[in-house]
N, C-alpha and C. Protein backbone atom coordinates (compact mmCIF):
# COMPACT_ATOMS: atom_id res chain seq x y z
N PRO A 1 109.68 -174.41 25.50
CA PRO A 1 110.73 -175.28 24.60
C PRO A 1 109.76 -175.87 23.61
N VAL A 2 109.90 -175.45 22.03
CA VAL A 2 108.82 -175.86 21.29
C VAL A 2 109.70 -177.31 20.51
N THR A 3 108.79 -178.14 19.91
CA THR A 3 109.34 -179.43 19.36
C THR A 3 108.46 -179.29 17.91
N VAL A 4 109.30 -179.05 16.55
CA VAL A 4 108.87 -179.18 15.42
C VAL A 4 109.05 -180.46 14.66
N VAL A 5 107.67 -180.48 14.15
CA VAL A 5 107.76 -182.19 13.61
C VAL A 5 107.77 -181.81 12.00
N THR A 6 108.35 -182.48 11.49
CA THR A 6 108.24 -181.57 9.53
C THR A 6 108.78 -182.75 8.93
N ASN A 7 108.16 -182.62 7.34
CA ASN A 7 108.50 -183.11 6.45
C ASN A 7 109.28 -182.48 5.62
N ASN A 8 109.58 -180.95 6.03
CA ASN A 8 110.22 -180.21 5.17
C ASN A 8 111.82 -180.30 5.83
N LEU A 9 112.63 -180.68 4.97
CA LEU A 9 113.87 -180.75 4.78
C LEU A 9 114.48 -179.25 5.24
N ARG A 10 113.90 -178.31 4.50
CA ARG A 10 114.66 -177.31 4.97
C ARG A 10 114.66 -176.44 6.40
N MET A 11 113.74 -177.11 6.96
CA MET A 11 113.73 -176.82 8.20
C MET A 11 114.97 -176.60 9.19
N SER A 12 115.78 -177.83 8.62
CA SER A 12 117.20 -178.17 9.19
C SER A 12 118.17 -176.95 9.01
N GLU A 13 117.95 -175.95 8.13
CA GLU A 13 118.27 -174.48 7.82
C GLU A 13 117.52 -173.56 8.28
N GLN A 14 117.09 -173.47 9.15
CA GLN A 14 116.22 -172.35 10.05
C GLN A 14 117.17 -172.09 11.40
N GLU A 15 117.12 -171.13 11.53
CA GLU A 15 117.85 -170.50 12.88
C GLU A 15 116.51 -170.77 14.09
N MET A 16 117.17 -171.25 14.78
CA MET A 16 115.73 -171.93 16.09
C MET A 16 116.18 -171.53 17.35
N HIS A 17 115.63 -171.12 18.24
CA HIS A 17 116.16 -171.02 19.48
C HIS A 17 116.66 -172.45 20.06
N PRO A 18 117.31 -172.05 20.91
CA PRO A 18 118.43 -173.42 21.70
C PRO A 18 117.32 -174.31 22.30
N SER A 19 116.74 -173.76 23.01
CA SER A 19 115.55 -175.03 23.55
C SER A 19 114.75 -175.83 22.49
N SER A 20 114.42 -175.29 21.28
CA SER A 20 114.14 -175.87 20.17
C SER A 20 114.41 -177.39 19.60
N THR A 21 113.48 -178.16 19.62
CA THR A 21 113.68 -179.29 18.58
C THR A 21 113.17 -179.37 17.14
N ILE A 22 114.09 -180.07 16.29
CA ILE A 22 113.25 -179.84 15.08
C ILE A 22 113.48 -181.57 15.03
N ILE A 23 112.28 -182.46 14.46
CA ILE A 23 112.53 -184.12 14.18
C ILE A 23 111.72 -183.96 12.71
N LEU A 24 112.74 -184.37 11.80
CA LEU A 24 112.43 -185.19 10.67
C LEU A 24 112.25 -185.95 10.26
N SER A 25 110.75 -186.08 9.57
CA SER A 25 110.20 -187.16 9.20
C SER A 25 110.79 -188.60 8.93
N GLY A 26 112.02 -187.96 7.97
CA GLY A 26 112.88 -188.76 7.15
C GLY A 26 112.23 -189.51 5.98
N GLY A 27 112.57 -190.41 5.01
CA GLY A 27 111.83 -190.90 4.00
C GLY A 27 112.47 -190.03 2.46
N GLU A 28 111.70 -190.13 1.69
CA GLU A 28 112.38 -189.86 0.16
C GLU A 28 112.45 -188.28 -0.05
N ILE A 29 113.80 -187.69 -0.52
CA ILE A 29 113.25 -186.38 -0.92
C ILE A 29 113.02 -185.83 -2.10
N HIS A 30 111.40 -185.16 -1.80
CA HIS A 30 111.04 -184.80 -3.13
C HIS A 30 111.28 -183.33 -3.26
N PHE A 31 111.79 -183.12 -5.25
CA PHE A 31 112.61 -181.84 -5.12
C PHE A 31 111.55 -181.27 -6.12
N PRO A 32 111.44 -179.93 -6.23
CA PRO A 32 112.24 -178.82 -6.19
C PRO A 32 111.75 -178.47 -4.32
N LYS A 33 110.94 -178.77 -3.56
CA LYS A 33 110.56 -178.67 -2.03
C LYS A 33 111.36 -178.99 -1.21
N ALA A 34 111.98 -179.79 -1.14
CA ALA A 34 112.66 -180.84 -0.33
C ALA A 34 111.63 -181.38 0.76
N ALA A 35 110.62 -181.64 0.46
CA ALA A 35 109.65 -182.39 1.16
C ALA A 35 109.97 -184.04 0.92
N LEU A 36 109.88 -184.15 2.55
CA LEU A 36 110.04 -185.65 2.72
C LEU A 36 109.10 -186.36 2.81
N VAL A 37 108.55 -187.46 1.71
CA VAL A 37 107.69 -188.05 1.68
C VAL A 37 107.93 -189.36 1.49
N GLY A 38 107.02 -190.23 0.97
CA GLY A 38 107.15 -191.83 0.72
C GLY A 38 106.78 -192.43 2.21
N GLU A 39 106.92 -193.81 1.95
CA GLU A 39 106.24 -194.86 3.38
C GLU A 39 107.07 -194.66 4.28
N LEU A 40 108.61 -194.20 4.63
CA LEU A 40 109.14 -194.19 5.71
C LEU A 40 108.90 -192.72 6.27
N ALA A 41 108.45 -191.66 5.80
CA ALA A 41 107.97 -190.58 6.31
C ALA A 41 106.38 -190.42 6.88
N ALA A 42 105.62 -191.48 5.82
CA ALA A 42 104.24 -191.72 6.83
C ALA A 42 104.52 -192.35 8.00
N ASP A 43 105.65 -193.18 7.74
CA ASP A 43 105.41 -194.48 8.88
C ASP A 43 105.81 -193.34 10.48
N SER A 44 106.78 -192.67 10.44
CA SER A 44 107.72 -191.91 11.51
C SER A 44 106.07 -191.01 12.04
N LEU A 45 105.55 -190.53 11.07
CA LEU A 45 104.32 -189.87 11.34
C LEU A 45 103.05 -190.24 11.99
N ARG A 46 102.91 -191.84 11.67
CA ARG A 46 101.92 -192.27 12.45
C ARG A 46 102.11 -192.59 13.81
N HIS A 47 103.47 -192.21 14.37
CA HIS A 47 103.44 -192.25 15.79
C HIS A 47 103.62 -190.90 16.57
N ILE A 48 102.83 -190.13 15.65
CA ILE A 48 103.25 -188.51 16.58
C ILE A 48 102.25 -188.03 16.50
N ASN A 49 101.83 -187.05 17.98
CA ASN A 49 100.48 -186.50 18.06
C ASN A 49 100.89 -185.13 18.68
N ALA A 50 100.43 -184.27 17.31
CA ALA A 50 100.61 -182.93 17.14
C ALA A 50 99.51 -182.22 18.23
N ASN A 51 99.97 -181.10 18.67
CA ASN A 51 99.04 -179.70 19.55
C ASN A 51 98.85 -179.15 18.30
N ILE A 52 99.57 -178.67 17.06
CA ILE A 52 98.70 -177.69 16.04
C ILE A 52 99.89 -178.19 14.56
N CYS A 53 99.26 -178.33 13.65
CA CYS A 53 99.83 -178.54 12.48
C CYS A 53 99.78 -177.47 11.68
N ILE A 54 100.58 -177.27 10.96
CA ILE A 54 100.72 -175.77 10.38
C ILE A 54 101.13 -176.50 8.71
N MET A 55 100.59 -176.29 7.71
CA MET A 55 101.06 -176.88 6.52
C MET A 55 100.84 -175.91 5.29
N GLY A 56 101.49 -176.10 4.62
CA GLY A 56 100.84 -175.43 2.89
C GLY A 56 100.62 -176.50 2.14
N CYS A 57 99.84 -175.71 0.66
CA CYS A 57 99.32 -176.74 0.32
C CYS A 57 99.37 -176.46 -1.49
N SER A 58 98.87 -177.15 -1.95
CA SER A 58 98.91 -176.49 -3.60
C SER A 58 97.58 -176.24 -4.00
N GLY A 59 96.50 -176.69 -3.43
CA GLY A 59 95.18 -175.43 -3.77
C GLY A 59 94.33 -175.92 -2.90
N ILE A 60 93.35 -174.75 -2.20
CA ILE A 60 92.36 -174.75 -1.12
C ILE A 60 91.23 -174.59 -1.50
N ASN A 61 90.13 -174.97 -1.58
CA ASN A 61 88.47 -174.49 -1.46
C ASN A 61 87.63 -175.09 -0.90
N ALA A 62 86.46 -174.33 -1.06
CA ALA A 62 85.45 -174.45 0.05
C ALA A 62 84.53 -175.56 0.09
N GLN A 63 84.91 -176.65 -1.21
CA GLN A 63 84.50 -177.41 -1.90
C GLN A 63 85.28 -178.92 -1.63
N VAL A 64 86.45 -179.04 -1.76
CA VAL A 64 87.14 -179.67 -1.87
C VAL A 64 88.21 -180.03 -0.37
N GLY A 65 88.48 -178.82 -0.33
CA GLY A 65 89.16 -178.66 1.47
C GLY A 65 91.08 -178.84 0.55
N ILE A 66 91.41 -179.27 1.25
CA ILE A 66 93.19 -179.04 0.87
C ILE A 66 94.21 -180.00 0.22
N THR A 67 94.15 -179.49 -1.20
CA THR A 67 95.12 -180.65 -1.98
C THR A 67 96.24 -180.65 -2.32
N THR A 68 97.10 -181.32 -2.91
CA THR A 68 98.58 -181.18 -3.33
C THR A 68 98.41 -182.05 -4.69
N GLY A 69 99.50 -181.80 -5.64
CA GLY A 69 99.80 -182.28 -6.99
C GLY A 69 100.55 -183.47 -6.80
N ASP A 70 100.72 -184.02 -5.68
CA ASP A 70 102.01 -185.15 -5.69
C ASP A 70 101.05 -186.37 -4.59
N PHE A 71 101.14 -187.45 -5.11
CA PHE A 71 100.35 -188.29 -4.21
C PHE A 71 101.41 -188.62 -3.13
N ARG A 72 102.36 -188.69 -3.39
CA ARG A 72 103.52 -189.23 -1.92
C ARG A 72 103.32 -187.95 -1.17
N GLU A 73 103.10 -187.01 -1.27
CA GLU A 73 103.08 -185.79 -0.37
C GLU A 73 101.67 -185.88 -0.22
N SER A 74 100.63 -186.20 -0.54
CA SER A 74 99.12 -186.14 0.03
C SER A 74 99.15 -187.11 1.16
N LYS A 75 99.52 -188.36 1.09
CA LYS A 75 99.58 -189.00 1.99
C LYS A 75 100.24 -188.96 3.69
N VAL A 76 101.44 -187.80 3.33
CA VAL A 76 102.42 -187.48 3.95
C VAL A 76 101.25 -186.46 5.01
N ASN A 77 100.78 -185.65 4.41
CA ASN A 77 100.17 -184.35 4.66
C ASN A 77 98.48 -184.82 5.33
N GLN A 78 98.00 -185.99 5.01
CA GLN A 78 96.82 -186.45 5.80
C GLN A 78 97.53 -186.96 6.86
N LEU A 79 98.15 -188.03 7.21
CA LEU A 79 98.81 -188.02 8.79
C LEU A 79 99.09 -186.69 9.76
N MET A 80 99.57 -185.84 9.07
CA MET A 80 99.95 -184.96 9.78
C MET A 80 98.75 -183.95 10.18
N VAL A 81 97.46 -183.82 9.42
CA VAL A 81 96.21 -183.33 10.12
C VAL A 81 95.61 -184.59 10.50
N GLN A 82 95.53 -185.59 10.38
CA GLN A 82 95.04 -187.05 11.07
C GLN A 82 95.31 -186.66 12.73
N ASN A 83 96.56 -186.62 12.92
CA ASN A 83 97.48 -186.92 14.00
C ASN A 83 97.62 -185.73 14.69
N SER A 84 96.65 -184.07 14.28
CA SER A 84 96.57 -183.04 15.09
C SER A 84 95.68 -183.16 16.29
N HIS A 85 95.78 -182.63 17.35
CA HIS A 85 94.78 -182.51 18.05
C HIS A 85 94.58 -181.26 18.43
N GLY A 86 94.87 -180.30 17.50
CA GLY A 86 94.88 -179.02 18.02
C GLY A 86 94.45 -178.50 16.68
N LEU A 87 94.33 -176.89 16.84
CA LEU A 87 94.43 -176.05 15.44
C LEU A 87 95.30 -176.78 14.01
N VAL A 88 94.40 -176.75 13.20
CA VAL A 88 94.90 -177.13 12.05
C VAL A 88 95.27 -175.53 10.94
N ILE A 89 96.48 -175.31 10.85
CA ILE A 89 96.63 -174.04 10.01
C ILE A 89 96.93 -174.43 8.68
N VAL A 90 96.46 -173.80 7.51
CA VAL A 90 96.93 -173.76 6.52
C VAL A 90 97.55 -172.37 5.78
N VAL A 91 98.71 -172.64 5.26
CA VAL A 91 99.25 -171.19 4.88
C VAL A 91 99.67 -171.55 3.27
N ALA A 92 98.62 -170.49 2.62
CA ALA A 92 98.46 -170.17 1.07
C ALA A 92 98.45 -169.29 0.08
N ASP A 93 99.16 -168.67 -0.48
CA ASP A 93 99.51 -167.26 -1.00
C ASP A 93 98.22 -167.41 -1.96
N TYR A 94 98.12 -165.96 -2.67
CA TYR A 94 96.56 -166.14 -3.38
C TYR A 94 96.37 -166.99 -4.67
N ARG A 95 97.46 -167.81 -5.34
CA ARG A 95 97.88 -168.47 -6.41
C ARG A 95 96.90 -169.74 -6.33
N LYS A 96 96.72 -169.35 -5.00
CA LYS A 96 96.05 -171.48 -4.24
C LYS A 96 94.48 -171.45 -3.97
N ILE A 97 94.74 -170.24 -3.77
CA ILE A 97 92.97 -169.91 -3.34
C ILE A 97 91.80 -170.49 -4.28
N GLY A 98 90.91 -171.22 -4.21
CA GLY A 98 90.32 -171.70 -5.09
C GLY A 98 90.48 -172.50 -6.26
N VAL A 99 91.43 -173.17 -5.66
CA VAL A 99 92.48 -174.25 -6.78
C VAL A 99 91.93 -175.20 -6.08
N THR A 100 92.03 -176.43 -6.91
CA THR A 100 92.12 -177.57 -6.51
C THR A 100 93.16 -178.54 -7.88
N SER A 101 94.09 -179.01 -6.42
CA SER A 101 94.70 -179.64 -7.28
C SER A 101 94.79 -181.57 -7.59
N ASN A 102 95.62 -182.45 -7.57
CA ASN A 102 95.65 -183.69 -8.29
C ASN A 102 94.42 -184.46 -6.81
N PHE A 103 95.21 -184.37 -5.82
CA PHE A 103 95.23 -185.10 -4.44
C PHE A 103 94.55 -184.58 -3.21
N GLN A 104 93.65 -185.11 -2.91
CA GLN A 104 93.06 -184.47 -1.63
C GLN A 104 93.80 -184.91 -0.42
N VAL A 105 94.13 -183.58 0.67
CA VAL A 105 94.59 -183.74 1.85
C VAL A 105 93.44 -184.15 2.74
N ALA A 106 92.97 -182.79 2.95
CA ALA A 106 92.03 -182.92 3.88
C ALA A 106 90.33 -182.02 3.57
N GLY A 107 89.65 -182.50 4.11
CA GLY A 107 87.89 -181.62 3.69
C GLY A 107 88.59 -180.11 4.29
N ILE A 108 87.58 -179.49 4.10
CA ILE A 108 87.86 -178.32 4.58
C ILE A 108 87.38 -177.87 5.90
N GLN A 109 86.42 -178.98 6.49
CA GLN A 109 86.03 -179.08 7.73
C GLN A 109 87.10 -179.27 8.72
N LYS A 110 88.17 -179.68 8.29
CA LYS A 110 89.61 -180.05 9.07
C LYS A 110 90.37 -178.85 9.13
N ILE A 111 89.61 -177.54 8.80
CA ILE A 111 90.83 -176.59 8.80
C ILE A 111 89.89 -175.76 9.52
N ASP A 112 90.97 -175.39 10.80
CA ASP A 112 90.56 -174.12 11.78
C ASP A 112 90.80 -172.98 11.17
N ILE A 113 92.25 -172.69 10.09
CA ILE A 113 92.53 -171.12 10.15
C ILE A 113 93.66 -171.16 8.56
N LEU A 114 93.31 -170.36 8.02
CA LEU A 114 93.77 -170.04 6.46
C LEU A 114 94.52 -168.71 6.57
N ILE A 115 95.66 -168.77 6.54
CA ILE A 115 96.76 -167.58 6.55
C ILE A 115 96.97 -167.27 5.13
N THR A 116 96.60 -166.13 4.47
CA THR A 116 97.16 -166.08 2.81
C THR A 116 97.38 -164.53 2.76
N ASP A 117 97.46 -164.34 1.97
CA ASP A 117 97.81 -162.32 1.38
C ASP A 117 96.80 -162.04 0.74
N THR A 118 96.85 -160.83 0.66
CA THR A 118 95.74 -159.99 0.03
C THR A 118 95.00 -159.68 -0.86
N TYR A 119 95.54 -160.63 -2.07
CA TYR A 119 95.52 -160.90 -3.40
C TYR A 119 94.57 -162.01 -3.87
N GLY A 120 94.14 -162.49 -2.35
CA GLY A 120 93.20 -163.91 -3.02
C GLY A 120 91.72 -163.44 -3.70
N ASP A 121 90.83 -164.24 -4.41
CA ASP A 121 89.93 -163.60 -4.80
C ASP A 121 88.78 -163.76 -3.68
N PRO A 122 88.19 -162.68 -3.48
CA PRO A 122 87.64 -161.82 -2.15
C PRO A 122 86.08 -163.24 -1.97
N ALA A 123 85.57 -163.58 -3.50
CA ALA A 123 84.43 -164.73 -2.96
C ALA A 123 84.94 -166.17 -2.93
N ARG A 124 85.99 -166.72 -3.06
CA ARG A 124 86.56 -167.74 -2.99
C ARG A 124 86.84 -167.84 -1.52
N LEU A 125 87.65 -166.43 -0.97
CA LEU A 125 87.78 -166.69 0.10
C LEU A 125 86.73 -166.49 1.46
N LYS A 126 85.64 -165.44 0.75
CA LYS A 126 83.84 -165.89 1.14
C LYS A 126 83.55 -166.94 1.65
N GLU A 127 83.92 -167.98 0.48
CA GLU A 127 83.04 -169.88 0.37
C GLU A 127 84.18 -170.31 2.07
N ILE A 128 85.52 -170.08 1.70
CA ILE A 128 85.86 -170.97 2.81
C ILE A 128 86.04 -170.03 4.51
N GLU A 129 85.33 -168.96 4.29
CA GLU A 129 85.13 -168.29 5.74
C GLU A 129 83.78 -168.66 5.91
N GLU A 130 82.73 -168.98 5.01
CA GLU A 130 81.33 -169.82 5.19
C GLU A 130 81.51 -170.74 5.38
N ALA A 131 82.07 -171.72 5.21
CA ALA A 131 82.89 -172.99 5.46
C ALA A 131 83.27 -173.33 6.84
N GLY A 132 83.57 -172.39 7.91
CA GLY A 132 83.94 -172.14 9.04
C GLY A 132 85.29 -172.29 9.23
N VAL A 133 86.05 -171.51 8.42
CA VAL A 133 87.57 -171.69 8.19
C VAL A 133 87.93 -169.95 8.68
N THR A 134 88.76 -169.85 9.80
CA THR A 134 88.87 -168.48 10.07
C THR A 134 90.11 -167.81 9.09
N VAL A 135 90.03 -167.18 8.44
CA VAL A 135 90.97 -166.41 6.93
C VAL A 135 91.50 -165.62 7.65
N ILE A 136 92.59 -165.40 7.88
CA ILE A 136 93.76 -164.19 7.96
C ILE A 136 94.51 -163.73 7.06
N GLN A 137 94.24 -162.56 6.92
CA GLN A 137 94.77 -162.15 5.41
C GLN A 137 96.05 -161.26 5.78
N ILE A 138 97.13 -161.25 5.51
CA ILE A 138 98.32 -159.96 5.81
C ILE A 138 98.59 -159.70 4.34
N ASP A 139 99.40 -158.42 4.72
CA ASP A 139 99.93 -157.77 3.52
C ASP A 139 101.43 -157.90 3.06
N GLU A 140 101.94 -158.81 3.73
CA GLU A 140 103.03 -159.35 2.99
C GLU A 140 103.17 -160.51 2.13
N ALA A 141 104.37 -160.79 1.10
CA ALA A 141 103.74 -162.08 0.20
C ALA A 141 104.44 -162.97 1.53
N ILE A 142 103.70 -164.37 1.55
CA ILE A 142 104.36 -165.35 2.00
C ILE A 142 105.20 -166.16 1.74
């Protein structure tokens, strides 16, 4: 059995194994991402302790870490990272590698694994690896 805690409203549309559970954070819906944000979302996540955190981002680089373009989303994502007591995995396609968006979510030292495609800037990916992040590149688009 797996319990998924998410602020991604689209997860409710996914086919899941019958013994799985999805817990939605609640909050305001931020379109077009369908991300649940705001104080209600943040408050629900303050009470969660996760084994693994998997999240997307608007940008990731070795100097700043992971960032997003929306203040409300950054607060929710900060809590997700903070309340994860296991791996923190970031999923980002090549367009987000080396990018810094407006609001920081977490420093690079908080990230264990970056999963990306094969189109990312090799120099930027090397910087991220040298900062202690395991970089996994896959052939398929994310």
